[in-house]
Amino acid sequence: MLELFQEAGFAAWLCTGLFIAGVAMLAIKRANVTPYAVAIVAAGVMGQGLGMRLVSKAAEGAPSLAEKVTYLSLGSKEAAANLIIGGVLALILLAVAGVAAKVRGSATPTAP
């Protein structure tokens, strides 16, 4: 899992920060975590988009076809890591909210 974070770059850490903030809000204030889950997914998509743009720029400057393919292969893998991290952390956050709601006995996972 740490390899994914190393590949993904700053957007993965942004996703992680939003995840921690969402869990803290759920634990402290019993706040609605849906906005945090949406922000996590948005950060993952942003990281993927920015990563693909960097990959495209690097591939355009590559002197040979073999290097272009290498850049596209490695860069696409790194950019996709952002989507994986964003999706997984958002799902975990929503699952934690669901479990917390069940434990608290509320009807909805984000009810105060």
PDB file of N, CA and C in Angstrom:
ATOM      1  N   MET A   1       0.820  -1.191   0.000  1.00  0.00           N
ATOM      2  CA  MET A   1       0.000   0.000   0.000  1.00  0.00           C
ATOM      3  C   MET A   1       0.867   1.259   0.000  1.00  0.00           C
ATOM      4  N   LEU A   2       1.978   1.214   0.710  1.00  0.00           N
ATOM      5  CA  LEU A   2       2.863   2.380   0.741  1.00  0.00           C
ATOM      6  C   LEU A   2       3.411   2.680  -0.649  1.00  0.00           C
ATOM      7  N   GLU A   3       3.617   1.638  -1.450  1.00  0.00           N
ATOM      8  CA  GLU A   3       4.097   1.828  -2.821  1.00  0.00           C
ATOM      9  C   GLU A   3       3.120   2.685  -3.624  1.00  0.00           C
ATOM     10  N   LEU A   4       1.818   2.467  -3.407  1.00  0.00           N
ATOM     11  CA  LEU A   4       0.813   3.287  -4.097  1.00  0.00           C
ATOM     12  C   LEU A   4       0.974   4.753  -3.743  1.00  0.00           C
ATOM     13  N   PHE A   5       1.201   5.044  -2.478  1.00  0.00           N
ATOM     14  CA  PHE A   5       1.363   6.432  -2.046  1.00  0.00           C
ATOM     15  C   PHE A   5       2.628   7.051  -2.637  1.00  0.00           C
ATOM     16  N   GLN A   6       3.675   6.266  -2.721  1.00  0.00           N
ATOM     17  CA  GLN A   6       4.904   6.770  -3.312  1.00  0.00           C
ATOM     18  C   GLN A   6       4.717   7.062  -4.801  1.00  0.00           C
ATOM     19  N   GLU A   7       3.942   6.222  -5.476  1.00  0.00           N
ATOM     20  CA  GLU A   7       3.681   6.429  -6.895  1.00  0.00           C
ATOM     21  C   GLU A   7       2.768   7.624  -7.123  1.00  0.00           C
ATOM     22  N   ALA A   8       1.775   7.786  -6.274  1.00  0.00           N
ATOM     23  CA  ALA A   8       0.732   8.771  -6.522  1.00  0.00           C
ATOM     24  C   ALA A   8       1.177  10.206  -6.287  1.00  0.00           C
ATOM     25  N   GLY A   9       1.978  10.450  -5.294  1.00  0.00           N
ATOM     26  CA  GLY A   9       2.445  11.801  -5.038  1.00  0.00           C
ATOM     27  C   GLY A   9       1.540  12.594  -4.112  1.00  0.00           C
ATOM     28  N   PHE A  10       1.502  13.919  -4.320  1.00  0.00           N
ATOM     29  CA  PHE A  10       0.856  14.809  -3.360  1.00  0.00           C
ATOM     30  C   PHE A  10      -0.645  14.576  -3.234  1.00  0.00           C
ATOM     31  N   ALA A  11      -1.313  14.201  -4.304  1.00  0.00           N
ATOM     32  CA  ALA A  11      -2.769  14.014  -4.242  1.00  0.00           C
ATOM     33  C   ALA A  11      -3.143  12.888  -3.285  1.00  0.00           C
ATOM     34  N   ALA A  12      -2.295  11.875  -3.179  1.00  0.00           N
ATOM     35  CA  ALA A  12      -2.565  10.785  -2.246  1.00  0.00           C
ATOM     36  C   ALA A  12      -2.511  11.295  -0.810  1.00  0.00           C
ATOM     37  N   TRP A  13      -1.596  12.196  -0.537  1.00  0.00           N
ATOM     38  CA  TRP A  13      -1.500  12.746   0.812  1.00  0.00           C
ATOM     39  C   TRP A  13      -2.664  13.692   1.084  1.00  0.00           C
ATOM     40  N   LEU A  14      -3.139  14.388   0.064  1.00  0.00           N
ATOM     41  CA  LEU A  14      -4.330  15.217   0.207  1.00  0.00           C
ATOM     42  C   LEU A  14      -5.536  14.337   0.520  1.00  0.00           C
ATOM     43  N   CYS A  15      -5.681  13.231  -0.191  1.00  0.00           N
ATOM     44  CA  CYS A  15      -6.755  12.270   0.082  1.00  0.00           C
ATOM     45  C   CYS A  15      -6.666  11.760   1.518  1.00  0.00           C
ATOM     46  N   THR A  16      -5.461  11.457   1.962  1.00  0.00           N
ATOM     47  CA  THR A  16      -5.261  10.947   3.314  1.00  0.00           C
ATOM     48  C   THR A  16      -5.632  11.996   4.359  1.00  0.00           C
ATOM     49  N   GLY A  17      -5.239  13.225   4.124  1.00  0.00           N
ATOM     50  CA  GLY A  17      -5.596  14.313   5.046  1.00  0.00           C
ATOM     51  C   GLY A  17      -7.103  14.507   5.144  1.00  0.00           C
ATOM     52  N   LEU A  18      -7.778  14.466   3.998  1.00  0.00           N
ATOM     53  CA  LEU A  18      -9.240  14.582   3.994  1.00  0.00           C
ATOM     54  C   LEU A  18      -9.885  13.391   4.689  1.00  0.00           C
ATOM     55  N   PHE A  19      -9.318  12.209   4.505  1.00  0.00           N
ATOM     56  CA  PHE A  19      -9.827  11.010   5.175  1.00  0.00           C
ATOM     57  C   PHE A  19      -9.709  11.156   6.689  1.00  0.00           C
ATOM     58  N   ILE A  20      -8.559  11.585   7.156  1.00  0.00           N
ATOM     59  CA  ILE A  20      -8.346  11.759   8.597  1.00  0.00           C
ATOM     60  C   ILE A  20      -9.294  12.823   9.145  1.00  0.00           C
ATOM     61  N   ALA A  21      -9.452  13.913   8.404  1.00  0.00           N
ATOM     62  CA  ALA A  21     -10.385  14.964   8.833  1.00  0.00           C
ATOM     63  C   ALA A  21     -11.813  14.428   8.904  1.00  0.00           C
ATOM     64  N   GLY A  22     -12.207  13.624   7.936  1.00  0.00           N
ATOM     65  CA  GLY A  22     -13.547  13.042   7.944  1.00  0.00           C
ATOM     66  C   GLY A  22     -13.768  12.115   9.118  1.00  0.00           C
ATOM     67  N   VAL A  23     -12.788  11.269   9.404  1.00  0.00           N
ATOM     68  CA  VAL A  23     -12.900  10.368  10.554  1.00  0.00           C
ATOM     69  C   VAL A  23     -12.947  11.173  11.853  1.00  0.00           C
ATOM     70  N   ALA A  24     -12.141  12.222  11.950  1.00  0.00           N
ATOM     71  CA  ALA A  24     -12.136  13.063  13.152  1.00  0.00           C
ATOM     72  C   ALA A  24     -13.491  13.753  13.331  1.00  0.00           C
ATOM     73  N   MET A  25     -14.051  14.279  12.254  1.00  0.00           N
ATOM     74  CA  MET A  25     -15.361  14.927  12.346  1.00  0.00           C
ATOM     75  C   MET A  25     -16.443  13.935  12.741  1.00  0.00           C
ATOM     76  N   LEU A  26     -16.338  12.736  12.251  1.00  0.00           N
ATOM     77  CA  LEU A  26     -17.304  11.694  12.602  1.00  0.00           C
ATOM     78  C   LEU A  26     -17.180  11.330  14.084  1.00  0.00           C
ATOM     79  N   ALA A  27     -15.945  11.224  14.565  1.00  0.00           N
ATOM     80  CA  ALA A  27     -15.709  10.823  15.947  1.00  0.00           C
ATOM     81  C   ALA A  27     -16.023  11.944  16.937  1.00  0.00           C
ATOM     82  N   ILE A  28     -15.646  13.158  16.605  1.00  0.00           N
ATOM     83  CA  ILE A  28     -15.781  14.267  17.547  1.00  0.00           C
ATOM     84  C   ILE A  28     -17.179  14.881  17.511  1.00  0.00           C
ATOM     85  N   LYS A  29     -17.645  15.208  16.311  1.00  0.00           N
ATOM     86  CA  LYS A  29     -18.904  15.944  16.178  1.00  0.00           C
ATOM     87  C   LYS A  29     -20.043  15.119  15.600  1.00  0.00           C
ATOM     88  N   ARG A  30     -19.761  13.887  15.239  1.00  0.00           N
ATOM     89  CA  ARG A  30     -20.753  13.046  14.570  1.00  0.00           C
ATOM     90  C   ARG A  30     -21.306  13.765  13.336  1.00  0.00           C
ATOM     91  N   ALA A  31     -20.416  14.415  12.632  1.00  0.00           N
ATOM     92  CA  ALA A  31     -20.781  15.208  11.457  1.00  0.00           C
ATOM     93  C   ALA A  31     -21.032  14.329  10.239  1.00  0.00           C
ATOM     94  N   ASN A  32     -21.682  14.907   9.272  1.00  0.00           N
ATOM     95  CA  ASN A  32     -21.922  14.247   7.989  1.00  0.00           C
ATOM     96  C   ASN A  32     -20.584  14.093   7.267  1.00  0.00           C
ATOM     97  N   VAL A  33     -20.217  12.891   6.900  1.00  0.00           N
ATOM     98  CA  VAL A  33     -18.924  12.652   6.252  1.00  0.00           C
ATOM     99  C   VAL A  33     -19.024  12.603   4.727  1.00  0.00           C
ATOM    100  N   THR A  34     -20.224  12.708   4.200  1.00  0.00           N
ATOM    101  CA  THR A  34     -20.380  12.645   2.749  1.00  0.00           C
ATOM    102  C   THR A  34     -19.546  13.703   2.023  1.00  0.00           C
ATOM    103  N   PRO A  35     -19.533  14.965   2.483  1.00  0.00           N
ATOM    104  CA  PRO A  35     -18.681  15.947   1.795  1.00  0.00           C
ATOM    105  C   PRO A  35     -17.204  15.570   1.801  1.00  0.00           C
ATOM    106  N   TYR A  36     -16.757  14.936   2.870  1.00  0.00           N
ATOM    107  CA  TYR A  36     -15.359  14.504   2.934  1.00  0.00           C
ATOM    108  C   TYR A  36     -15.100  13.382   1.927  1.00  0.00           C
ATOM    109  N   ALA A  37     -16.042  12.450   1.813  1.00  0.00           N
ATOM    110  CA  ALA A  37     -15.892  11.356   0.849  1.00  0.00           C
ATOM    111  C   ALA A  37     -15.853  11.899  -0.577  1.00  0.00           C
ATOM    112  N   VAL A  38     -16.709  12.868  -0.866  1.00  0.00           N
ATOM    113  CA  VAL A  38     -16.723  13.473  -2.208  1.00  0.00           C
ATOM    114  C   VAL A  38     -15.408  14.206  -2.461  1.00  0.00           C
ATOM    115  N   ALA A  39     -14.915  14.928  -1.456  1.00  0.00           N
ATOM    116  CA  ALA A  39     -13.643  15.651  -1.611  1.00  0.00           C
ATOM    117  C   ALA A  39     -12.482  14.686  -1.818  1.00  0.00           C
ATOM    118  N   ILE A  40     -12.512  13.545  -1.152  1.00  0.00           N
ATOM    119  CA  ILE A  40     -11.460  12.537  -1.318  1.00  0.00           C
ATOM    120  C   ILE A  40     -11.448  12.029  -2.758  1.00  0.00           C
ATOM    121  N   VAL A  41     -12.624  11.702  -3.279  1.00  0.00           N
ATOM    122  CA  VAL A  41     -12.711  11.225  -4.667  1.00  0.00           C
ATOM    123  C   VAL A  41     -12.252  12.322  -5.625  1.00  0.00           C
ATOM    124  N   ALA A  42     -12.679  13.564  -5.359  1.00  0.00           N
ATOM    125  CA  ALA A  42     -12.275  14.683  -6.222  1.00  0.00           C
ATOM    126  C   ALA A  42     -10.759  14.870  -6.213  1.00  0.00           C
ATOM    127  N   ALA A  43     -10.139  14.742  -5.059  1.00  0.00           N
ATOM    128  CA  ALA A  43      -8.676  14.868  -4.974  1.00  0.00           C
ATOM    129  C   ALA A  43      -7.992  13.743  -5.742  1.00  0.00           C
ATOM    130  N   GLY A  44      -8.545  12.541  -5.681  1.00  0.00           N
ATOM    131  CA  GLY A  44      -7.991  11.424  -6.450  1.00  0.00           C
ATOM    132  C   GLY A  44      -8.096  11.651  -7.948  1.00  0.00           C
ATOM    133  N   VAL A  45      -9.245  12.156  -8.380  1.00  0.00           N
ATOM    134  CA  VAL A  45      -9.435  12.440  -9.808  1.00  0.00           C
ATOM    135  C   VAL A  45      -8.509  13.570 -10.250  1.00  0.00           C
ATOM    136  N   MET A  46      -8.369  14.598  -9.411  1.00  0.00           N
ATOM    137  CA  MET A  46      -7.468  15.703  -9.730  1.00  0.00           C
ATOM    138  C   MET A  46      -6.030  15.197  -9.868  1.00  0.00           C
ATOM    139  N   GLY A  47      -5.608  14.343  -8.935  1.00  0.00           N
ATOM    140  CA  GLY A  47      -4.259  13.788  -9.001  1.00  0.00           C
ATOM    141  C   GLY A  47      -4.048  12.952 -10.245  1.00  0.00           C
ATOM    142  N   GLN A  48      -5.069  12.199 -10.629  1.00  0.00           N
ATOM    143  CA  GLN A  48      -4.958  11.386 -11.838  1.00  0.00           C
ATOM    144  C   GLN A  48      -4.853  12.278 -13.070  1.00  0.00           C
ATOM    145  N   GLY A  49      -5.672  13.293 -13.126  1.00  0.00           N
ATOM    146  CA  GLY A  49      -5.633  14.206 -14.272  1.00  0.00           C
ATOM    147  C   GLY A  49      -4.305  14.943 -14.387  1.00  0.00           C
ATOM    148  N   LEU A  50      -3.832  15.463 -13.269  1.00  0.00           N
ATOM    149  CA  LEU A  50      -2.543  16.164 -13.292  1.00  0.00           C
ATOM    150  C   LEU A  50      -1.408  15.211 -13.653  1.00  0.00           C
ATOM    151  N   GLY A  51      -1.473  14.004 -13.120  1.00  0.00           N
ATOM    152  CA  GLY A  51      -0.455  13.004 -13.435  1.00  0.00           C
ATOM    153  C   GLY A  51      -0.428  12.659 -14.913  1.00  0.00           C
ATOM    154  N   MET A  52      -1.596  12.493 -15.514  1.00  0.00           N
ATOM    155  CA  MET A  52      -1.647  12.163 -16.948  1.00  0.00           C
ATOM    156  C   MET A  52      -1.130  13.317 -17.801  1.00  0.00           C
ATOM    157  N   ARG A  53      -1.388  14.546 -17.384  1.00  0.00           N
ATOM    158  CA  ARG A  53      -0.849  15.688 -18.136  1.00  0.00           C
ATOM    159  C   ARG A  53       0.678  15.696 -18.083  1.00  0.00           C
ATOM    160  N   LEU A  54       1.228  15.384 -16.910  1.00  0.00           N
ATOM    161  CA  LEU A  54       2.685  15.329 -16.796  1.00  0.00           C
ATOM    162  C   LEU A  54       3.254  14.194 -17.632  1.00  0.00           C
ATOM    163  N   VAL A  55       2.551  13.073 -17.654  1.00  0.00           N
ATOM    164  CA  VAL A  55       2.983  11.935 -18.471  1.00  0.00           C
ATOM    165  C   VAL A  55       2.979  12.325 -19.946  1.00  0.00           C
ATOM    166  N   SER A  56       1.936  12.977 -20.376  1.00  0.00           N
ATOM    167  CA  SER A  56       1.831  13.392 -21.776  1.00  0.00           C
ATOM    168  C   SER A  56       2.964  14.346 -22.153  1.00  0.00           C
ATOM    169  N   LYS A  57       3.235  15.284 -21.269  1.00  0.00           N
ATOM    170  CA  LYS A  57       4.311  16.246 -21.527  1.00  0.00           C
ATOM    171  C   LYS A  57       5.669  15.547 -21.619  1.00  0.00           C
ATOM    172  N   ALA A  58       5.907  14.606 -20.711  1.00  0.00           N
ATOM    173  CA  ALA A  58       7.177  13.875 -20.730  1.00  0.00           C
ATOM    174  C   ALA A  58       7.294  13.016 -21.980  1.00  0.00           C
ATOM    175  N   ALA A  59       6.200  12.368 -22.384  1.00  0.00           N
ATOM    176  CA  ALA A  59       6.231  11.506 -23.570  1.00  0.00           C
ATOM    177  C   ALA A  59       6.467  12.321 -24.839  1.00  0.00           C
ATOM    178  N   GLU A  60       5.902  13.525 -24.896  1.00  0.00           N
ATOM    179  CA  GLU A  60       6.108  14.374 -26.075  1.00  0.00           C
ATOM    180  C   GLU A  60       7.573  14.730 -26.269  1.00  0.00           C
ATOM    181  N   GLY A  61       8.304  14.864 -25.149  1.00  0.00           N
ATOM    182  CA  GLY A  61       9.709  15.239 -25.241  1.00  0.00           C
ATOM    183  C   GLY A  61      10.669  14.068 -25.354  1.00  0.00           C
ATOM    184  N   ALA A  62      10.132  12.861 -25.342  1.00  0.00           N
ATOM    185  CA  ALA A  62      11.001  11.684 -25.409  1.00  0.00           C
ATOM    186  C   ALA A  62      11.596  11.540 -26.809  1.00  0.00           C
ATOM    187  N   PRO A  63      12.876  11.223 -26.889  1.00  0.00           N
ATOM    188  CA  PRO A  63      13.532  11.147 -28.197  1.00  0.00           C
ATOM    189  C   PRO A  63      13.186   9.902 -29.018  1.00  0.00           C
ATOM    190  N   SER A  64      12.778   8.827 -28.360  1.00  0.00           N
ATOM    191  CA  SER A  64      12.511   7.601 -29.115  1.00  0.00           C
ATOM    192  C   SER A  64      11.139   7.038 -28.739  1.00  0.00           C
ATOM    193  N   LEU A  65      10.643   6.184 -29.619  1.00  0.00           N
ATOM    194  CA  LEU A  65       9.354   5.549 -29.381  1.00  0.00           C
ATOM    195  C   LEU A  65       9.400   4.669 -28.129  1.00  0.00           C
ATOM    196  N   ALA A  66      10.494   3.977 -27.931  1.00  0.00           N
ATOM    197  CA  ALA A  66      10.624   3.108 -26.753  1.00  0.00           C
ATOM    198  C   ALA A  66      10.536   3.917 -25.458  1.00  0.00           C
ATOM    199  N   GLU A  67      11.158   5.080 -25.438  1.00  0.00           N
ATOM    200  CA  GLU A  67      11.096   5.932 -24.246  1.00  0.00           C
ATOM    201  C   GLU A  67       9.693   6.491 -24.047  1.00  0.00           C
ATOM    202  N   LYS A  68       9.003   6.828 -25.134  1.00  0.00           N
ATOM    203  CA  LYS A  68       7.624   7.302 -25.032  1.00  0.00           C
ATOM    204  C   LYS A  68       6.731   6.251 -24.411  1.00  0.00           C
ATOM    205  N   VAL A  69       6.888   5.023 -24.865  1.00  0.00           N
ATOM    206  CA  VAL A  69       6.084   3.922 -24.328  1.00  0.00           C
ATOM    207  C   VAL A  69       6.403   3.712 -22.850  1.00  0.00           C
ATOM    208  N   THR A  70       7.668   3.805 -22.491  1.00  0.00           N
ATOM    209  CA  THR A  70       8.069   3.644 -21.098  1.00  0.00           C
ATOM    210  C   THR A  70       7.444   4.728 -20.233  1.00  0.00           C
ATOM    211  N   TYR A  71       7.520   5.977 -20.682  1.00  0.00           N
ATOM    212  CA  TYR A  71       6.924   7.086 -19.938  1.00  0.00           C
ATOM    213  C   TYR A  71       5.420   6.897 -19.783  1.00  0.00           C
ATOM    214  N   LEU A  72       4.764   6.524 -20.865  1.00  0.00           N
ATOM    215  CA  LEU A  72       3.319   6.334 -20.806  1.00  0.00           C
ATOM    216  C   LEU A  72       2.934   5.185 -19.885  1.00  0.00           C
ATOM    217  N   SER A  73       3.692   4.108 -19.913  1.00  0.00           N
ATOM    218  CA  SER A  73       3.397   2.953 -19.068  1.00  0.00           C
ATOM    219  C   SER A  73       3.578   3.283 -17.592  1.00  0.00           C
ATOM    220  N   LEU A  74       4.742   3.784 -17.229  1.00  0.00           N
ATOM    221  CA  LEU A  74       5.012   4.099 -15.831  1.00  0.00           C
ATOM    222  C   LEU A  74       4.146   5.247 -15.331  1.00  0.00           C
ATOM    223  N   GLY A  75       4.004   6.260 -16.145  1.00  0.00           N
ATOM    224  CA  GLY A  75       3.217   7.427 -15.741  1.00  0.00           C
ATOM    225  C   GLY A  75       1.747   7.114 -15.573  1.00  0.00           C
ATOM    226  N   SER A  76       1.212   6.293 -16.441  1.00  0.00           N
ATOM    227  CA  SER A  76      -0.201   5.915 -16.319  1.00  0.00           C
ATOM    228  C   SER A  76      -0.435   5.117 -15.045  1.00  0.00           C
ATOM    229  N   LYS A  77       0.506   4.256 -14.715  1.00  0.00           N
ATOM    230  CA  LYS A  77       0.418   3.472 -13.478  1.00  0.00           C
ATOM    231  C   LYS A  77       0.428   4.395 -12.268  1.00  0.00           C
ATOM    232  N   GLU A  78       1.301   5.378 -12.286  1.00  0.00           N
ATOM    233  CA  GLU A  78       1.390   6.318 -11.174  1.00  0.00           C
ATOM    234  C   GLU A  78       0.135   7.178 -11.073  1.00  0.00           C
ATOM    235  N   ALA A  79      -0.383   7.623 -12.200  1.00  0.00           N
ATOM    236  CA  ALA A  79      -1.596   8.442 -12.187  1.00  0.00           C
ATOM    237  C   ALA A  79      -2.797   7.631 -11.708  1.00  0.00           C
ATOM    238  N   ALA A  80      -2.876   6.390 -12.119  1.00  0.00           N
ATOM    239  CA  ALA A  80      -3.993   5.534 -11.702  1.00  0.00           C
ATOM    240  C   ALA A  80      -3.957   5.265 -10.194  1.00  0.00           C
ATOM    241  N   ALA A  81      -2.793   5.324  -9.590  1.00  0.00           N
ATOM    242  CA  ALA A  81      -2.683   5.121  -8.144  1.00  0.00           C
ATOM    243  C   ALA A  81      -3.524   6.153  -7.391  1.00  0.00           C
ATOM    244  N   ASN A  82      -3.618   7.366  -7.932  1.00  0.00           N
ATOM    245  CA  ASN A  82      -4.440   8.399  -7.302  1.00  0.00           C
ATOM    246  C   ASN A  82      -5.904   7.995  -7.276  1.00  0.00           C
ATOM    247  N   LEU A  83      -6.395   7.419  -8.359  1.00  0.00           N
ATOM    248  CA  LEU A  83      -7.788   6.980  -8.406  1.00  0.00           C
ATOM    249  C   LEU A  83      -8.037   5.850  -7.421  1.00  0.00           C
ATOM    250  N   ILE A  84      -7.108   4.929  -7.337  1.00  0.00           N
ATOM    251  CA  ILE A  84      -7.250   3.809  -6.403  1.00  0.00           C
ATOM    252  C   ILE A  84      -7.304   4.322  -4.969  1.00  0.00           C
ATOM    253  N   ILE A  85      -6.382   5.170  -4.615  1.00  0.00           N
ATOM    254  CA  ILE A  85      -6.320   5.696  -3.252  1.00  0.00           C
ATOM    255  C   ILE A  85      -7.570   6.506  -2.928  1.00  0.00           C
ATOM    256  N   GLY A  86      -7.978   7.389  -3.831  1.00  0.00           N
ATOM    257  CA  GLY A  86      -9.172   8.196  -3.597  1.00  0.00           C
ATOM    258  C   GLY A  86     -10.413   7.342  -3.421  1.00  0.00           C
ATOM    259  N   GLY A  87     -10.590   6.367  -4.284  1.00  0.00           N
ATOM    260  CA  GLY A  87     -11.761   5.506  -4.193  1.00  0.00           C
ATOM    261  C   GLY A  87     -11.775   4.654  -2.940  1.00  0.00           C
ATOM    262  N   VAL A  88     -10.642   4.065  -2.612  1.00  0.00           N
ATOM    263  CA  VAL A  88     -10.570   3.192  -1.431  1.00  0.00           C
ATOM    264  C   VAL A  88     -10.792   3.988  -0.152  1.00  0.00           C
ATOM    265  N   LEU A  89     -10.142   5.144  -0.024  1.00  0.00           N
ATOM    266  CA  LEU A  89     -10.298   5.927   1.203  1.00  0.00           C
ATOM    267  C   LEU A  89     -11.724   6.448   1.354  1.00  0.00           C
ATOM    268  N   ALA A  90     -12.361   6.851   0.258  1.00  0.00           N
ATOM    269  CA  ALA A  90     -13.752   7.307   0.333  1.00  0.00           C
ATOM    270  C   ALA A  90     -14.667   6.164   0.763  1.00  0.00           C
ATOM    271  N   LEU A  91     -14.465   4.984   0.209  1.00  0.00           N
ATOM    272  CA  LEU A  91     -15.287   3.835   0.600  1.00  0.00           C
ATOM    273  C   LEU A  91     -15.071   3.456   2.064  1.00  0.00           C
ATOM    274  N   ILE A  92     -13.831   3.486   2.510  1.00  0.00           N
ATOM    275  CA  ILE A  92     -13.553   3.168   3.919  1.00  0.00           C
ATOM    276  C   ILE A  92     -14.235   4.185   4.830  1.00  0.00           C
ATOM    277  N   LEU A  93     -14.143   5.468   4.487  1.00  0.00           N
ATOM    278  CA  LEU A  93     -14.768   6.504   5.301  1.00  0.00           C
ATOM    279  C   LEU A  93     -16.279   6.296   5.396  1.00  0.00           C
ATOM    280  N   LEU A  94     -16.907   6.006   4.274  1.00  0.00           N
ATOM    281  CA  LEU A  94     -18.355   5.774   4.287  1.00  0.00           C
ATOM    282  C   LEU A  94     -18.706   4.502   5.054  1.00  0.00           C
ATOM    283  N   ALA A  95     -17.872   3.488   4.943  1.00  0.00           N
ATOM    284  CA  ALA A  95     -18.119   2.257   5.700  1.00  0.00           C
ATOM    285  C   ALA A  95     -17.981   2.501   7.201  1.00  0.00           C
ATOM    286  N   VAL A  96     -16.985   3.267   7.605  1.00  0.00           N
ATOM    287  CA  VAL A  96     -16.811   3.603   9.017  1.00  0.00           C
ATOM    288  C   VAL A  96     -18.017   4.394   9.515  1.00  0.00           C
ATOM    289  N   ALA A  97     -18.509   5.322   8.701  1.00  0.00           N
ATOM    290  CA  ALA A  97     -19.695   6.097   9.082  1.00  0.00           C
ATOM    291  C   ALA A  97     -20.906   5.187   9.231  1.00  0.00           C
ATOM    292  N   GLY A  98     -21.037   4.217   8.350  1.00  0.00           N
ATOM    293  CA  GLY A  98     -22.145   3.271   8.439  1.00  0.00           C
ATOM    294  C   GLY A  98     -22.073   2.422   9.691  1.00  0.00           C
ATOM    295  N   VAL A  99     -20.895   1.941  10.014  1.00  0.00           N
ATOM    296  CA  VAL A  99     -20.705   1.146  11.231  1.00  0.00           C
ATOM    297  C   VAL A  99     -20.967   2.008  12.466  1.00  0.00           C
ATOM    298  N   ALA A 100     -20.472   3.230  12.454  1.00  0.00           N
ATOM    299  CA  ALA A 100     -20.690   4.132  13.595  1.00  0.00           C
ATOM    300  C   ALA A 100     -22.179   4.391  13.789  1.00  0.00           C
ATOM    301  N   ALA A 101     -22.912   4.564  12.704  1.00  0.00           N
ATOM    302  CA  ALA A 101     -24.350   4.800  12.798  1.00  0.00           C
ATOM    303  C   ALA A 101     -25.056   3.573  13.369  1.00  0.00           C
ATOM    304  N   LYS A 102     -24.618   2.412  12.947  1.00  0.00           N
ATOM    305  CA  LYS A 102     -25.225   1.161  13.438  1.00  0.00           C
ATOM    306  C   LYS A 102     -24.951   1.003  14.937  1.00  0.00           C
ATOM    307  N   VAL A 103     -23.731   1.297  15.337  1.00  0.00           N
ATOM    308  CA  VAL A 103     -23.351   1.167  16.744  1.00  0.00           C
ATOM    309  C   VAL A 103     -24.118   2.175  17.597  1.00  0.00           C
ATOM    310  N   ARG A 104     -24.272   3.387  17.073  1.00  0.00           N
ATOM    311  CA  ARG A 104     -24.983   4.434  17.819  1.00  0.00           C
ATOM    312  C   ARG A 104     -26.495   4.224  17.768  1.00  0.00           C
ATOM    313  N   GLY A 105     -26.938   3.399  16.825  1.00  0.00           N
ATOM    314  CA  GLY A 105     -28.361   3.119  16.723  1.00  0.00           C
ATOM    315  C   GLY A 105     -29.155   4.172  15.968  1.00  0.00           C
ATOM    316  N   SER A 106     -28.485   4.981  15.169  1.00  0.00           N
ATOM    317  CA  SER A 106     -29.214   5.998  14.421  1.00  0.00           C
ATOM    318  C   SER A 106     -29.708   5.418  13.100  1.00  0.00           C
ATOM    319  N   ALA A 107     -30.647   6.110  12.485  1.00  0.00           N
ATOM    320  CA  ALA A 107     -31.252   5.638  11.245  1.00  0.00           C
ATOM    321  C   ALA A 107     -30.359   5.887  10.031  1.00  0.00           C
ATOM    322  N   THR A 108     -29.549   6.952  10.072  1.00  0.00           N
ATOM    323  CA  THR A 108     -28.675   7.279   8.948  1.00  0.00           C
ATOM    324  C   THR A 108     -27.239   7.327   9.412  1.00  0.00           C
ATOM    325  N   PRO A 109     -26.289   7.047   8.506  1.00  0.00           N
ATOM    326  CA  PRO A 109     -24.889   6.992   8.923  1.00  0.00           C
ATOM    327  C   PRO A 109     -24.295   8.337   9.310  1.00  0.00           C
ATOM    328  N   THR A 110     -24.955   9.444   9.003  1.00  0.00           N
ATOM    329  CA  THR A 110     -24.352  10.743   9.288  1.00  0.00           C
ATOM    330  C   THR A 110     -25.205  11.575  10.226  1.00  0.00           C
ATOM    331  N   ALA A 111     -26.224  11.008  10.821  1.00  0.00           N
ATOM    332  CA  ALA A 111     -27.091  11.765  11.711  1.00  0.00           C
ATOM    333  C   ALA A 111     -26.341  12.138  12.992  1.00  0.00           C
ATOM    334  N   PRO A 112     -26.547  13.362  13.462  1.00  0.00           N
ATOM    335  CA  PRO A 112     -25.871  13.785  14.709  1.00  0.00           C
ATOM    336  C   PRO A 112     -26.457  13.124  15.936  1.00  0.00           C
TER     337      PRO A 112
END
